[in-house]
Protein backbone atom coordinates (compact mmCIF):
# COMPACT_ATOMS: atom_id res chain seq x y z
CA MET A 1 -50.21 -215.35 -179.50
CA ASP A 2 -53.54 -217.17 -179.97
CA GLY A 3 -53.68 -220.97 -179.18
CA LEU A 4 -53.88 -223.20 -182.27
CA THR A 5 -57.29 -224.61 -182.43
CA VAL A 6 -59.11 -226.37 -184.97
CA SER A 7 -61.36 -223.14 -185.67
CA ASN A 8 -58.29 -220.97 -186.28
CA ALA A 9 -55.98 -223.57 -187.92
CA GLU A 10 -57.46 -222.98 -191.32
CA GLY A 11 -57.15 -219.29 -191.24
CA LEU A 12 -53.43 -219.84 -190.26
CA LEU A 13 -52.84 -222.17 -193.06
CA GLU A 14 -54.48 -219.88 -195.64
CA THR A 15 -52.80 -216.72 -194.44
CA GLY A 16 -49.69 -217.85 -192.61
CA ARG A 17 -50.73 -215.53 -189.77
CA THR A 18 -52.22 -216.16 -186.29
CA LEU A 19 -55.50 -214.23 -185.34
CA SER A 20 -53.66 -211.57 -183.55
CA GLU A 21 -51.26 -210.98 -186.39
CA GLN A 22 -54.31 -210.75 -188.72
CA ARG A 23 -55.92 -208.30 -186.38
CA THR A 24 -52.68 -206.14 -186.05
CA ALA A 25 -52.17 -206.28 -189.89
CA LYS A 26 -55.75 -205.08 -190.42
CA ILE A 27 -55.31 -202.32 -187.96
CA ASN A 28 -52.13 -201.34 -189.52
CA LYS A 29 -53.78 -201.45 -192.80
CA ASP A 30 -56.63 -199.24 -191.80
CA ALA A 31 -54.29 -196.74 -190.21
CA GLY A 32 -52.01 -196.60 -193.36
CA ILE A 33 -49.06 -198.12 -191.61
CA PRO A 34 -46.99 -200.24 -194.06
CA THR A 35 -46.17 -203.86 -193.05
CA ALA A 36 -42.74 -205.20 -192.75
CA GLY A 37 -41.62 -207.03 -195.92
CA GLY A 38 -44.63 -206.73 -197.83
CA GLY A 39 -43.97 -210.13 -199.74
CA LYS A 40 -45.28 -213.45 -199.54
CA THR A 41 -45.91 -215.08 -196.04
CA PHE A 42 -44.13 -218.26 -194.98
CA ALA A 43 -47.13 -220.26 -195.70
CA GLU A 44 -47.54 -218.99 -199.31
CA THR A 45 -43.85 -219.64 -200.03
CA LEU A 46 -44.15 -223.26 -198.71
CA LYS A 47 -47.45 -223.87 -200.59
CA ASP A 48 -45.71 -222.67 -203.88
CA ALA A 49 -42.67 -224.68 -203.22
CA VAL A 50 -45.06 -227.86 -202.66
CA GLN A 51 -46.79 -227.14 -205.69
CA ASN A 52 -43.59 -226.67 -207.80
CA VAL A 53 -42.26 -230.27 -206.58
CA ASN A 54 -45.58 -231.60 -207.61
CA GLN A 55 -45.47 -229.94 -210.91
CA ILE A 56 -41.83 -231.54 -211.50
CA GLN A 57 -43.13 -234.90 -210.44
CA LYS A 58 -45.78 -234.84 -212.72
CA GLU A 59 -43.67 -233.68 -215.64
CA ALA A 60 -41.30 -236.79 -214.86
CA ASP A 61 -44.32 -239.32 -214.87
CA VAL A 62 -45.27 -237.96 -218.26
CA ALA A 63 -41.85 -238.35 -219.67
CA MET A 64 -41.58 -241.87 -218.30
CA GLN A 65 -44.96 -242.90 -219.97
CA LYS A 66 -43.94 -241.36 -223.14
CA LEU A 67 -40.64 -243.31 -222.97
CA ALA A 68 -42.62 -246.52 -222.25
CA THR A 69 -45.12 -246.11 -225.04
CA GLY A 70 -42.29 -245.25 -227.57
CA GLU A 71 -43.32 -241.59 -228.32
CA ASN A 72 -40.09 -240.54 -226.84
CA LYS A 73 -36.85 -242.13 -227.79
CA ASN A 74 -34.40 -239.86 -225.87
CA ILE A 75 -33.69 -241.98 -222.71
CA ALA A 76 -31.06 -239.30 -221.52
CA GLU A 77 -33.69 -236.59 -221.43
CA VAL A 78 -36.13 -238.75 -219.38
CA MET A 79 -33.25 -239.67 -216.96
CA VAL A 80 -32.49 -236.03 -216.35
CA VAL A 81 -36.18 -234.97 -215.73
CA THR A 82 -36.49 -238.03 -213.48
CA GLU A 83 -33.32 -237.00 -211.52
CA LYS A 84 -34.60 -233.55 -211.25
CA ALA A 85 -37.96 -234.83 -209.69
CA ASP A 86 -35.92 -237.03 -207.31
CA ILE A 87 -33.72 -234.20 -206.18
CA ALA A 88 -36.62 -231.77 -205.69
CA MET A 89 -38.51 -234.38 -203.58
CA LYS A 90 -35.62 -235.22 -201.49
CA LEU A 91 -35.09 -231.52 -200.97
CA MET A 92 -38.71 -230.97 -200.02
CA VAL A 93 -38.42 -234.08 -197.49
CA GLN A 94 -35.47 -232.31 -195.77
CA VAL A 95 -37.02 -229.00 -195.65
CA ARG A 96 -40.11 -230.63 -193.89
CA ASN A 97 -37.87 -232.49 -191.47
CA LYS A 98 -36.13 -229.07 -190.54
CA ILE A 99 -39.64 -227.48 -190.14
CA ILE A 100 -40.66 -230.37 -187.98
CA GLU A 101 -37.46 -230.22 -186.04
CA ALA A 102 -37.72 -226.28 -185.44
CA TYR A 103 -41.38 -226.75 -184.38
CA HIS A 104 -40.22 -229.46 -181.67
CA GLU A 105 -37.56 -227.01 -180.51
CA VAL A 106 -40.21 -224.22 -180.05
CA MET A 107 -42.64 -226.42 -178.22
CA LYS A 108 -39.60 -227.41 -175.82
CA MET A 109 -39.24 -223.78 -174.89
CA GLN A 110 -40.58 -222.68 -171.64
CA VAL A 111 -42.53 -219.61 -171.39
């Protein structure tokens, strides 16, 4: 596995793969060998989840602004949207904590 450096960190974040995994995938693609899964990478999935939580937070902000300005009179609807945003954020924080915990466990392993 390649070491994580500043120069290859951006590529890892964009593709979710290390340089050696990218080389292997390119060799397999050139040889016509299908890759396992064929779906999204972990980085893409995580990025989509963060964007989804961000969108939910924005919707809650708009709903609260409309309630404050009097455009929306349905308090229950605003509360539901706000609670949905709160739960999504709490879930994202817990996922982040688990990822950090897993990273620390991997770093403790002796090779």
